[in-house]
Amino acid sequence: MTTAARPDVREALLAAARTELVEHGRAAISLRAVARRAGLSHAAPKYHFGDRAGLLTAIATEGFHSLADKLSVVQEPEARPRLAALGRAYIDFGLSHPALFELMFAPAELHTSDPDLIAAQQQAIGELRAATGRLAASDTTPSGAQNLALLSWALVHGLAVLTRDGALLGTATPHATDATELAHSLAELFTQYVDQVPGPRPS
């Protein structure tokens, strides 16, 4: 059996690439470096992923699946607390996996039309979209509900990035001392605003 045909090669390459990502960041990842770390031939990554973007796309796809798993375990049944809990979980994921999180949202590095990537993205962001929809007024237009979901995602994503980069605390937040706690509280505050949208709630 050739090295490229071994059934465990793909996972070994992904494991090596994940380590490279954590240790050196996505800019330093190359097919040659990943093959070397995995102890495989230089041809193995190309065989399984085609090119560097294919490898990074596979890692990002795994990341979105992990994010979806993180969000799916939120148990809060009530609409507003659930959205707040999902926001906190999203922020925590971004802070726990900063290099992966950055790669997941770096379209210039990925094959963005890859169907597995798209499905994983929709699965993860769909958790936030569904939770936001439960809070939207029943007379909200489809485009309005979609915009509200995008706004919710943009907020928690931005909070994760600002916290990760050490930019959330500063002159604009003079009384805050813990960036993660502040990010969580802002996500909670946003859900309170969303919950004030006028109109009857869906049954």
N, C-alpha and C. Protein backbone atom coordinates (compact mmCIF):
# COMPACT_ATOMS: atom_id res chain seq x y z
N MET A 1 0.85 -1.20 0.00
CA MET A 1 0.00 0.00 0.00
C MET A 1 0.89 1.25 0.00
N THR A 2 0.64 2.17 -0.88
CA THR A 2 1.44 3.38 -0.93
C THR A 2 1.09 4.30 0.22
N THR A 3 2.00 5.23 0.50
CA THR A 3 1.76 6.17 1.59
C THR A 3 0.49 6.96 1.36
N ALA A 4 0.28 7.44 0.11
CA ALA A 4 -0.88 8.27 -0.17
C ALA A 4 -2.17 7.52 -0.05
N ALA A 5 -2.14 6.21 -0.22
CA ALA A 5 -3.38 5.44 -0.21
C ALA A 5 -3.76 4.95 1.17
N ARG A 6 -2.87 5.06 2.16
CA ARG A 6 -3.20 4.59 3.49
C ARG A 6 -4.41 5.34 4.04
N PRO A 7 -5.35 4.62 4.65
CA PRO A 7 -6.59 5.26 5.10
C PRO A 7 -6.38 6.27 6.23
N ASP A 8 -5.27 6.15 6.97
CA ASP A 8 -5.06 7.06 8.09
C ASP A 8 -4.25 8.30 7.71
N VAL A 9 -3.84 8.39 6.45
CA VAL A 9 -2.98 9.50 6.04
C VAL A 9 -3.70 10.83 6.14
N ARG A 10 -4.93 10.90 5.69
CA ARG A 10 -5.66 12.18 5.69
C ARG A 10 -5.76 12.75 7.10
N GLU A 11 -6.12 11.90 8.06
CA GLU A 11 -6.25 12.40 9.43
C GLU A 11 -4.90 12.79 10.00
N ALA A 12 -3.85 12.05 9.65
CA ALA A 12 -2.51 12.41 10.12
C ALA A 12 -2.10 13.77 9.58
N LEU A 13 -2.43 14.03 8.33
CA LEU A 13 -2.11 15.33 7.73
C LEU A 13 -2.91 16.45 8.39
N LEU A 14 -4.18 16.20 8.66
CA LEU A 14 -5.00 17.22 9.32
C LEU A 14 -4.49 17.49 10.73
N ALA A 15 -4.12 16.45 11.42
CA ALA A 15 -3.58 16.64 12.78
C ALA A 15 -2.29 17.47 12.74
N ALA A 16 -1.44 17.18 11.77
CA ALA A 16 -0.21 17.94 11.63
C ALA A 16 -0.50 19.39 11.27
N ALA A 17 -1.48 19.59 10.39
CA ALA A 17 -1.84 20.95 9.98
C ALA A 17 -2.43 21.74 11.13
N ARG A 18 -3.23 21.08 11.96
CA ARG A 18 -3.80 21.77 13.12
C ARG A 18 -2.70 22.22 14.07
N THR A 19 -1.70 21.37 14.25
CA THR A 19 -0.58 21.73 15.12
C THR A 19 0.21 22.89 14.53
N GLU A 20 0.47 22.84 13.24
CA GLU A 20 1.16 23.94 12.57
C GLU A 20 0.37 25.24 12.74
N LEU A 21 -0.93 25.15 12.61
CA LEU A 21 -1.78 26.34 12.73
C LEU A 21 -1.66 26.95 14.11
N VAL A 22 -1.72 26.13 15.14
CA VAL A 22 -1.64 26.63 16.52
C VAL A 22 -0.26 27.20 16.81
N GLU A 23 0.77 26.52 16.34
CA GLU A 23 2.13 26.92 16.70
C GLU A 23 2.64 28.10 15.88
N HIS A 24 2.24 28.16 14.59
CA HIS A 24 2.85 29.15 13.71
C HIS A 24 1.86 30.06 12.99
N GLY A 25 0.55 29.79 13.10
CA GLY A 25 -0.44 30.60 12.40
C GLY A 25 -0.62 30.14 10.95
N ARG A 26 -1.71 30.54 10.36
CA ARG A 26 -2.05 30.02 9.03
C ARG A 26 -1.06 30.45 7.95
N ALA A 27 -0.44 31.61 8.10
CA ALA A 27 0.47 32.10 7.07
C ALA A 27 1.67 31.18 6.89
N ALA A 28 2.05 30.47 7.94
CA ALA A 28 3.23 29.61 7.88
C ALA A 28 2.92 28.20 7.40
N ILE A 29 1.66 27.87 7.21
CA ILE A 29 1.30 26.52 6.81
C ILE A 29 1.64 26.30 5.33
N SER A 30 2.36 25.24 5.06
CA SER A 30 2.63 24.82 3.69
C SER A 30 2.43 23.32 3.60
N LEU A 31 2.17 22.82 2.40
CA LEU A 31 2.00 21.38 2.23
C LEU A 31 3.26 20.64 2.63
N ARG A 32 4.40 21.21 2.31
CA ARG A 32 5.67 20.56 2.63
C ARG A 32 5.88 20.49 4.15
N ALA A 33 5.59 21.58 4.85
CA ALA A 33 5.78 21.59 6.30
C ALA A 33 4.83 20.61 6.98
N VAL A 34 3.61 20.53 6.50
CA VAL A 34 2.63 19.61 7.08
C VAL A 34 3.05 18.17 6.84
N ALA A 35 3.49 17.87 5.63
CA ALA A 35 3.95 16.51 5.33
C ALA A 35 5.15 16.14 6.20
N ARG A 36 6.05 17.07 6.37
CA ARG A 36 7.24 16.81 7.18
C ARG A 36 6.85 16.53 8.63
N ARG A 37 5.94 17.34 9.18
CA ARG A 37 5.52 17.12 10.57
C ARG A 37 4.80 15.79 10.72
N ALA A 38 4.04 15.40 9.71
CA ALA A 38 3.30 14.13 9.78
C ALA A 38 4.19 12.93 9.48
N GLY A 39 5.41 13.17 9.01
CA GLY A 39 6.29 12.07 8.68
C GLY A 39 5.90 11.36 7.41
N LEU A 40 5.33 12.11 6.47
CA LEU A 40 4.83 11.53 5.22
C LEU A 40 5.54 12.15 4.03
N SER A 41 5.32 11.57 2.88
CA SER A 41 5.95 12.09 1.67
C SER A 41 5.36 13.44 1.31
N HIS A 42 6.13 14.22 0.57
CA HIS A 42 5.66 15.54 0.16
C HIS A 42 4.46 15.46 -0.78
N ALA A 43 4.25 14.31 -1.38
CA ALA A 43 3.12 14.15 -2.31
C ALA A 43 1.80 13.89 -1.58
N ALA A 44 1.88 13.48 -0.32
CA ALA A 44 0.66 13.07 0.39
C ALA A 44 -0.36 14.20 0.53
N PRO A 45 0.02 15.42 0.96
CA PRO A 45 -1.00 16.47 1.09
C PRO A 45 -1.68 16.81 -0.23
N LYS A 46 -0.91 16.85 -1.30
CA LYS A 46 -1.50 17.17 -2.61
C LYS A 46 -2.47 16.08 -3.04
N TYR A 47 -2.14 14.83 -2.74
CA TYR A 47 -3.02 13.71 -3.09
C TYR A 47 -4.37 13.85 -2.40
N HIS A 48 -4.36 14.23 -1.13
CA HIS A 48 -5.60 14.26 -0.35
C HIS A 48 -6.35 15.58 -0.43
N PHE A 49 -5.64 16.70 -0.62
CA PHE A 49 -6.29 18.01 -0.54
C PHE A 49 -6.13 18.87 -1.79
N GLY A 50 -5.31 18.44 -2.72
CA GLY A 50 -5.15 19.17 -3.96
C GLY A 50 -4.15 20.30 -3.89
N ASP A 51 -4.38 21.22 -2.98
CA ASP A 51 -3.48 22.36 -2.82
C ASP A 51 -3.58 22.88 -1.40
N ARG A 52 -2.84 23.93 -1.12
CA ARG A 52 -2.82 24.49 0.23
C ARG A 52 -4.20 24.96 0.66
N ALA A 53 -4.92 25.63 -0.25
CA ALA A 53 -6.27 26.10 0.09
C ALA A 53 -7.20 24.94 0.40
N GLY A 54 -7.01 23.82 -0.29
CA GLY A 54 -7.82 22.64 0.00
C GLY A 54 -7.58 22.11 1.40
N LEU A 55 -6.32 22.12 1.81
CA LEU A 55 -5.98 21.69 3.17
C LEU A 55 -6.57 22.64 4.20
N LEU A 56 -6.40 23.95 3.98
CA LEU A 56 -6.95 24.92 4.92
C LEU A 56 -8.47 24.86 4.96
N THR A 57 -9.09 24.58 3.83
CA THR A 57 -10.55 24.46 3.79
C THR A 57 -11.01 23.28 4.63
N ALA A 58 -10.27 22.18 4.57
CA ALA A 58 -10.63 21.02 5.39
C ALA A 58 -10.51 21.34 6.87
N ILE A 59 -9.48 22.08 7.25
CA ILE A 59 -9.33 22.47 8.66
C ILE A 59 -10.47 23.40 9.08
N ALA A 60 -10.79 24.37 8.23
CA ALA A 60 -11.88 25.31 8.54
C ALA A 60 -13.20 24.58 8.65
N THR A 61 -13.42 23.60 7.78
CA THR A 61 -14.66 22.82 7.84
C THR A 61 -14.77 22.10 9.18
N GLU A 62 -13.68 21.50 9.62
CA GLU A 62 -13.67 20.88 10.95
C GLU A 62 -13.99 21.91 12.02
N GLY A 63 -13.44 23.11 11.86
CA GLY A 63 -13.69 24.16 12.84
C GLY A 63 -15.16 24.51 12.95
N PHE A 64 -15.82 24.64 11.82
CA PHE A 64 -17.25 24.97 11.85
C PHE A 64 -18.07 23.83 12.45
N HIS A 65 -17.66 22.60 12.20
CA HIS A 65 -18.36 21.48 12.84
C HIS A 65 -18.16 21.54 14.35
N SER A 66 -16.97 21.87 14.79
CA SER A 66 -16.72 21.98 16.22
C SER A 66 -17.52 23.12 16.84
N LEU A 67 -17.61 24.23 16.13
CA LEU A 67 -18.41 25.35 16.61
C LEU A 67 -19.88 24.96 16.70
N ALA A 68 -20.37 24.28 15.68
CA ALA A 68 -21.77 23.82 15.70
C ALA A 68 -22.01 22.90 16.89
N ASP A 69 -21.07 22.00 17.16
CA ASP A 69 -21.20 21.10 18.32
C ASP A 69 -21.24 21.90 19.61
N LYS A 70 -20.39 22.93 19.71
CA LYS A 70 -20.34 23.78 20.90
C LYS A 70 -21.68 24.48 21.12
N LEU A 71 -22.27 24.96 20.05
CA LEU A 71 -23.54 25.69 20.16
C LEU A 71 -24.71 24.74 20.38
N SER A 72 -24.63 23.55 19.83
CA SER A 72 -25.77 22.63 19.90
C SER A 72 -26.01 22.09 21.30
N VAL A 73 -25.01 22.16 22.18
CA VAL A 73 -25.18 21.61 23.52
C VAL A 73 -25.79 22.63 24.48
N VAL A 74 -26.03 23.85 24.03
CA VAL A 74 -26.68 24.84 24.88
C VAL A 74 -28.09 24.34 25.20
N GLN A 75 -28.39 24.23 26.47
CA GLN A 75 -29.64 23.59 26.90
C GLN A 75 -30.76 24.57 27.22
N GLU A 76 -30.47 25.85 27.28
CA GLU A 76 -31.46 26.84 27.70
C GLU A 76 -32.66 26.83 26.75
N PRO A 77 -33.88 26.52 27.24
CA PRO A 77 -35.05 26.43 26.34
C PRO A 77 -35.72 27.77 26.04
N GLU A 78 -35.61 28.74 26.95
CA GLU A 78 -36.28 30.01 26.74
C GLU A 78 -35.54 30.85 25.70
N ALA A 79 -36.31 31.60 24.91
CA ALA A 79 -35.76 32.24 23.72
C ALA A 79 -34.62 33.22 24.04
N ARG A 80 -34.89 34.21 24.90
CA ARG A 80 -33.86 35.22 25.13
C ARG A 80 -32.64 34.66 25.86
N PRO A 81 -32.82 33.90 26.94
CA PRO A 81 -31.64 33.32 27.59
C PRO A 81 -30.88 32.37 26.66
N ARG A 82 -31.59 31.70 25.75
CA ARG A 82 -30.91 30.79 24.83
C ARG A 82 -30.00 31.58 23.88
N LEU A 83 -30.51 32.68 23.33
CA LEU A 83 -29.69 33.47 22.42
C LEU A 83 -28.46 34.01 23.15
N ALA A 84 -28.66 34.45 24.39
CA ALA A 84 -27.53 34.96 25.18
C ALA A 84 -26.51 33.85 25.44
N ALA A 85 -26.99 32.65 25.76
CA ALA A 85 -26.09 31.53 26.02
C ALA A 85 -25.33 31.13 24.76
N LEU A 86 -26.01 31.16 23.62
CA LEU A 86 -25.35 30.86 22.36
C LEU A 86 -24.27 31.90 22.06
N GLY A 87 -24.59 33.16 22.36
CA GLY A 87 -23.60 34.21 22.14
C GLY A 87 -22.37 34.00 23.00
N ARG A 88 -22.57 33.65 24.25
CA ARG A 88 -21.43 33.38 25.14
C ARG A 88 -20.62 32.19 24.63
N ALA A 89 -21.31 31.14 24.19
CA ALA A 89 -20.61 29.96 23.70
C ALA A 89 -19.81 30.28 22.44
N TYR A 90 -20.36 31.11 21.58
CA TYR A 90 -19.66 31.52 20.36
C TYR A 90 -18.39 32.30 20.72
N ILE A 91 -18.53 33.24 21.62
CA ILE A 91 -17.37 34.03 22.06
C ILE A 91 -16.31 33.13 22.68
N ASP A 92 -16.72 32.21 23.53
CA ASP A 92 -15.78 31.33 24.20
C ASP A 92 -15.04 30.44 23.20
N PHE A 93 -15.75 29.98 22.18
CA PHE A 93 -15.10 29.16 21.15
C PHE A 93 -14.00 29.96 20.45
N GLY A 94 -14.34 31.20 20.08
CA GLY A 94 -13.35 32.04 19.41
C GLY A 94 -12.13 32.31 20.26
N LEU A 95 -12.33 32.46 21.57
CA LEU A 95 -11.21 32.73 22.47
C LEU A 95 -10.40 31.47 22.78
N SER A 96 -11.06 30.32 22.74
CA SER A 96 -10.36 29.07 23.04
C SER A 96 -9.55 28.57 21.85
N HIS A 97 -9.94 28.96 20.63
CA HIS A 97 -9.28 28.47 19.42
C HIS A 97 -8.99 29.66 18.49
N PRO A 98 -8.13 30.59 18.93
CA PRO A 98 -7.96 31.83 18.17
C PRO A 98 -7.44 31.64 16.75
N ALA A 99 -6.45 30.79 16.56
CA ALA A 99 -5.89 30.61 15.21
C ALA A 99 -6.90 29.93 14.29
N LEU A 100 -7.59 28.92 14.80
CA LEU A 100 -8.61 28.24 14.01
C LEU A 100 -9.75 29.18 13.69
N PHE A 101 -10.18 29.94 14.67
CA PHE A 101 -11.29 30.89 14.50
C PHE A 101 -10.96 31.90 13.41
N GLU A 102 -9.72 32.39 13.42
CA GLU A 102 -9.30 33.35 12.41
C GLU A 102 -9.31 32.72 11.02
N LEU A 103 -8.82 31.49 10.92
CA LEU A 103 -8.81 30.80 9.63
C LEU A 103 -10.23 30.56 9.10
N MET A 104 -11.14 30.19 9.97
CA MET A 104 -12.51 29.88 9.56
C MET A 104 -13.16 31.06 8.83
N PHE A 105 -12.73 32.26 9.16
CA PHE A 105 -13.33 33.46 8.57
C PHE A 105 -12.30 34.22 7.74
N ALA A 106 -11.48 33.45 7.01
CA ALA A 106 -10.49 34.03 6.11
C ALA A 106 -10.76 33.51 4.70
N PRO A 107 -11.79 34.03 4.03
CA PRO A 107 -12.20 33.47 2.74
C PRO A 107 -11.11 33.49 1.68
N ALA A 108 -10.19 34.43 1.74
CA ALA A 108 -9.13 34.48 0.74
C ALA A 108 -8.21 33.26 0.81
N GLU A 109 -8.23 32.56 1.94
CA GLU A 109 -7.37 31.40 2.13
C GLU A 109 -8.07 30.09 1.79
N LEU A 110 -9.38 30.13 1.55
CA LEU A 110 -10.18 28.91 1.46
C LEU A 110 -10.82 28.75 0.08
N HIS A 111 -11.24 27.51 -0.19
CA HIS A 111 -12.12 27.26 -1.34
C HIS A 111 -13.54 27.49 -0.84
N THR A 112 -14.03 28.71 -0.98
CA THR A 112 -15.30 29.08 -0.36
C THR A 112 -16.51 28.39 -0.99
N SER A 113 -16.34 27.82 -2.17
CA SER A 113 -17.46 27.12 -2.82
C SER A 113 -17.49 25.63 -2.46
N ASP A 114 -16.57 25.20 -1.61
CA ASP A 114 -16.53 23.80 -1.22
C ASP A 114 -17.84 23.42 -0.52
N PRO A 115 -18.56 22.40 -0.99
CA PRO A 115 -19.87 22.10 -0.40
C PRO A 115 -19.81 21.67 1.06
N ASP A 116 -18.75 20.96 1.44
CA ASP A 116 -18.63 20.55 2.85
C ASP A 116 -18.43 21.76 3.75
N LEU A 117 -17.63 22.71 3.28
CA LEU A 117 -17.41 23.94 4.05
C LEU A 117 -18.71 24.71 4.19
N ILE A 118 -19.44 24.86 3.10
CA ILE A 118 -20.70 25.61 3.13
C ILE A 118 -21.69 24.97 4.08
N ALA A 119 -21.80 23.64 4.02
CA ALA A 119 -22.74 22.94 4.90
C ALA A 119 -22.36 23.12 6.36
N ALA A 120 -21.06 23.07 6.66
CA ALA A 120 -20.61 23.25 8.05
C ALA A 120 -20.86 24.67 8.51
N GLN A 121 -20.63 25.65 7.65
CA GLN A 121 -20.90 27.05 8.00
C GLN A 121 -22.38 27.25 8.31
N GLN A 122 -23.23 26.72 7.46
CA GLN A 122 -24.66 26.88 7.65
C GLN A 122 -25.14 26.19 8.92
N GLN A 123 -24.54 25.06 9.23
CA GLN A 123 -24.91 24.35 10.45
C GLN A 123 -24.58 25.18 11.68
N ALA A 124 -23.39 25.77 11.69
CA ALA A 124 -22.95 26.53 12.86
C ALA A 124 -23.73 27.83 13.00
N ILE A 125 -23.76 28.63 11.96
CA ILE A 125 -24.43 29.93 12.03
C ILE A 125 -25.94 29.74 12.14
N GLY A 126 -26.44 28.60 11.65
CA GLY A 126 -27.86 28.32 11.75
C GLY A 126 -28.37 28.26 13.17
N GLU A 127 -27.49 27.87 14.11
CA GLU A 127 -27.89 27.83 15.51
C GLU A 127 -28.24 29.24 16.00
N LEU A 128 -27.41 30.21 15.65
CA LEU A 128 -27.71 31.60 16.02
C LEU A 128 -28.92 32.12 15.28
N ARG A 129 -29.03 31.76 14.00
CA ARG A 129 -30.15 32.24 13.19
C ARG A 129 -31.48 31.74 13.76
N ALA A 130 -31.53 30.49 14.15
CA ALA A 130 -32.76 29.92 14.69
C ALA A 130 -33.13 30.57 16.01
N ALA A 131 -32.13 30.81 16.85
CA ALA A 131 -32.41 31.42 18.15
C ALA A 131 -32.90 32.86 17.98
N THR A 132 -32.30 33.59 17.05
CA THR A 132 -32.75 34.96 16.80
C THR A 132 -34.17 34.96 16.27
N GLY A 133 -34.49 34.01 15.39
CA GLY A 133 -35.83 33.94 14.82
C GLY A 133 -36.90 33.73 15.86
N ARG A 134 -36.56 33.04 16.95
CA ARG A 134 -37.54 32.82 18.00
C ARG A 134 -37.88 34.10 18.75
N LEU A 135 -36.96 35.08 18.69
CA LEU A 135 -37.20 36.34 19.38
C LEU A 135 -37.83 37.39 18.48
N ALA A 136 -37.76 37.19 17.16
CA ALA A 136 -38.28 38.18 16.23
C ALA A 136 -39.80 38.22 16.29
N ALA A 137 -40.35 39.40 16.08
CA ALA A 137 -41.81 39.53 16.04
C ALA A 137 -42.38 38.73 14.88
N SER A 138 -43.59 38.23 15.03
CA SER A 138 -44.19 37.39 14.00
C SER A 138 -44.46 38.16 12.72
N ASP A 139 -44.55 39.47 12.78
CA ASP A 139 -44.81 40.26 11.57
C ASP A 139 -43.52 40.78 10.94
N THR A 140 -42.37 40.30 11.41
CA THR A 140 -41.10 40.70 10.80
C THR A 140 -41.00 40.09 9.42
N THR A 141 -40.60 40.88 8.44
CA THR A 141 -40.45 40.36 7.08
C THR A 141 -39.28 39.39 7.03
N PRO A 142 -39.28 38.46 6.06
CA PRO A 142 -38.15 37.52 5.95
C PRO A 142 -36.81 38.23 5.86
N SER A 143 -36.75 39.32 5.08
CA SER A 143 -35.47 40.03 4.97
C SER A 143 -35.09 40.68 6.29
N GLY A 144 -36.09 41.17 7.03
CA GLY A 144 -35.80 41.77 8.33
C GLY A 144 -35.31 40.74 9.32
N ALA A 145 -35.91 39.56 9.32
CA ALA A 145 -35.47 38.50 10.23
C ALA A 145 -34.06 38.05 9.88
N GLN A 146 -33.76 37.98 8.58
CA GLN A 146 -32.43 37.59 8.16
C GLN A 146 -31.39 38.63 8.58
N ASN A 147 -31.74 39.89 8.43
CA ASN A 147 -30.82 40.95 8.84
C ASN A 147 -30.57 40.92 10.34
N LEU A 148 -31.62 40.62 11.10
CA LEU A 148 -31.47 40.53 12.55
C LEU A 148 -30.54 39.38 12.92
N ALA A 149 -30.65 38.27 12.22
CA ALA A 149 -29.76 37.13 12.47
C ALA A 149 -28.32 37.50 12.13
N LEU A 150 -28.13 38.19 11.02
CA LEU A 150 -26.78 38.62 10.63
C LEU A 150 -26.21 39.60 11.65
N LEU A 151 -27.06 40.48 12.14
CA LEU A 151 -26.61 41.44 13.15
C LEU A 151 -26.19 40.73 14.43
N SER A 152 -26.95 39.72 14.82
CA SER A 152 -26.61 38.95 16.02
C SER A 152 -25.27 38.26 15.85
N TRP A 153 -25.06 37.66 14.69
CA TRP A 153 -23.80 36.98 14.42
C TRP A 153 -22.65 37.99 14.41
N ALA A 154 -22.85 39.11 13.72
CA ALA A 154 -21.79 40.12 13.62
C ALA A 154 -21.40 40.62 15.01
N LEU A 155 -22.39 40.78 15.88
CA LEU A 155 -22.10 41.29 17.22
C LEU A 155 -21.21 40.33 18.00
N VAL A 156 -21.63 39.05 18.09
CA VAL A 156 -20.85 38.13 18.91
C VAL A 156 -19.50 37.83 18.26
N HIS A 157 -19.46 37.82 16.93
CA HIS A 157 -18.18 37.61 16.26
C HIS A 157 -17.24 38.78 16.55
N GLY A 158 -17.76 39.98 16.45
CA GLY A 158 -16.94 41.15 16.74
C GLY A 158 -16.47 41.18 18.17
N LEU A 159 -17.32 40.78 19.09
CA LEU A 159 -16.92 40.72 20.50
C LEU A 159 -15.80 39.71 20.71
N ALA A 160 -15.91 38.57 20.03
CA ALA A 160 -14.86 37.56 20.14
C ALA A 160 -13.53 38.09 19.62
N VAL A 161 -13.56 38.77 18.48
CA VAL A 161 -12.33 39.28 17.88
C VAL A 161 -11.73 40.39 18.73
N LEU A 162 -12.57 41.32 19.20
CA LEU A 162 -12.07 42.42 20.03
C LEU A 162 -11.47 41.90 21.33
N THR A 163 -12.11 40.91 21.92
CA THR A 163 -11.60 40.33 23.16
C THR A 163 -10.30 39.60 22.90
N ARG A 164 -10.27 38.81 21.84
CA ARG A 164 -9.06 38.06 21.48
C ARG A 164 -7.87 38.99 21.26
N ASP A 165 -8.11 40.10 20.60
CA ASP A 165 -7.04 41.03 20.24
C ASP A 165 -6.70 42.01 21.35
N GLY A 166 -7.38 41.90 22.49
CA GLY A 166 -7.09 42.79 23.60
C GLY A 166 -7.58 44.20 23.41
N ALA A 167 -8.56 44.38 22.52
CA ALA A 167 -9.03 45.73 22.18
C ALA A 167 -10.35 46.10 22.84
N LEU A 168 -10.99 45.17 23.53
CA LEU A 168 -12.30 45.47 24.10
C LEU A 168 -12.20 46.37 25.32
N LEU A 169 -11.18 46.16 26.12
CA LEU A 169 -10.96 47.01 27.28
C LEU A 169 -10.15 48.23 26.88
N GLY A 170 -10.54 49.37 27.39
CA GLY A 170 -9.82 50.60 27.04
C GLY A 170 -10.57 51.82 27.52
N THR A 171 -10.33 52.94 26.86
CA THR A 171 -10.95 54.20 27.29
C THR A 171 -12.46 54.17 27.17
N ALA A 172 -12.98 53.36 26.23
CA ALA A 172 -14.44 53.29 26.06
C ALA A 172 -15.10 52.44 27.14
N THR A 173 -14.30 51.65 27.86
CA THR A 173 -14.84 50.79 28.92
C THR A 173 -14.01 50.96 30.18
N PRO A 174 -14.01 52.15 30.77
CA PRO A 174 -13.08 52.44 31.88
C PRO A 174 -13.35 51.64 33.14
N HIS A 175 -14.56 51.14 33.33
CA HIS A 175 -14.88 50.46 34.58
C HIS A 175 -14.79 48.94 34.46
N ALA A 176 -14.54 48.43 33.26
CA ALA A 176 -14.46 46.98 33.06
C ALA A 176 -13.03 46.51 33.27
N THR A 177 -12.89 45.35 33.88
CA THR A 177 -11.56 44.81 34.15
C THR A 177 -11.36 43.43 33.53
N ASP A 178 -12.42 42.77 33.13
CA ASP A 178 -12.32 41.43 32.55
C ASP A 178 -12.97 41.46 31.18
N ALA A 179 -12.17 41.26 30.13
CA ALA A 179 -12.68 41.41 28.77
C ALA A 179 -13.71 40.34 28.43
N THR A 180 -13.46 39.11 28.83
CA THR A 180 -14.41 38.04 28.51
C THR A 180 -15.74 38.26 29.20
N GLU A 181 -15.68 38.65 30.46
CA GLU A 181 -16.91 38.95 31.20
C GLU A 181 -17.67 40.09 30.56
N LEU A 182 -16.95 41.10 30.11
CA LEU A 182 -17.60 42.23 29.44
C LEU A 182 -18.24 41.77 28.14
N ALA A 183 -17.54 40.95 27.37
CA ALA A 183 -18.10 40.45 26.12
C ALA A 183 -19.38 39.66 26.37
N HIS A 184 -19.37 38.83 27.38
CA HIS A 184 -20.57 38.07 27.74
C HIS A 184 -21.73 39.00 28.10
N SER A 185 -21.43 40.02 28.89
CA SER A 185 -22.50 40.92 29.34
C SER A 185 -23.06 41.73 28.17
N LEU A 186 -22.21 42.09 27.22
CA LEU A 186 -22.70 42.83 26.05
C LEU A 186 -23.58 41.94 25.16
N ALA A 187 -23.22 40.67 25.05
CA ALA A 187 -24.07 39.74 24.31
C ALA A 187 -25.42 39.61 24.97
N GLU A 188 -25.42 39.55 26.29
CA GLU A 188 -26.68 39.49 27.05
C GLU A 188 -27.50 40.76 26.84
N LEU A 189 -26.84 41.90 26.87
CA LEU A 189 -27.53 43.18 26.68
C LEU A 189 -28.18 43.24 25.31
N PHE A 190 -27.49 42.73 24.30
CA PHE A 190 -28.05 42.74 22.95
C PHE A 190 -29.33 41.92 22.89
N THR A 191 -29.36 40.77 23.57
CA THR A 191 -30.56 39.95 23.53
C THR A 191 -31.74 40.68 24.18
N GLN A 192 -31.46 41.51 25.16
CA GLN A 192 -32.54 42.30 25.77
C GLN A 192 -33.11 43.29 24.78
N TYR A 193 -32.25 43.91 23.97
CA TYR A 193 -32.73 44.82 22.94
C TYR A 193 -33.56 44.09 21.90
N VAL A 194 -33.07 42.92 21.47
CA VAL A 194 -33.80 42.14 20.48
C VAL A 194 -35.16 41.75 21.01
N ASP A 195 -35.23 41.42 22.30
CA ASP A 195 -36.48 40.97 22.90
C ASP A 195 -37.50 42.10 23.00
N GLN A 196 -37.07 43.33 22.79
CA GLN A 196 -37.98 44.48 22.87
C GLN A 196 -38.59 44.84 21.51
N VAL A 197 -38.26 44.04 20.48
CA VAL A 197 -38.87 44.28 19.15
C VAL A 197 -40.38 44.17 19.30
N PRO A 198 -41.15 45.18 18.89
CA PRO A 198 -42.60 45.15 19.12
C PRO A 198 -43.29 44.11 18.26
N GLY A 199 -44.42 43.68 18.75
CA GLY A 199 -45.23 42.75 17.98
C GLY A 199 -45.36 41.42 18.70
N PRO A 200 -46.37 40.63 18.35
CA PRO A 200 -46.58 39.33 19.00
C PRO A 200 -45.47 38.36 18.65
N ARG A 201 -45.18 37.46 19.56
CA ARG A 201 -44.18 36.43 19.33
C ARG A 201 -44.82 35.22 18.64
N PRO A 202 -44.04 34.51 17.84
CA PRO A 202 -44.58 33.29 17.22
C PRO A 202 -44.97 32.29 18.28
N SER A 203 -46.00 31.53 18.03
CA SER A 203 -46.43 30.52 19.00
C SER A 203 -45.55 29.29 18.90
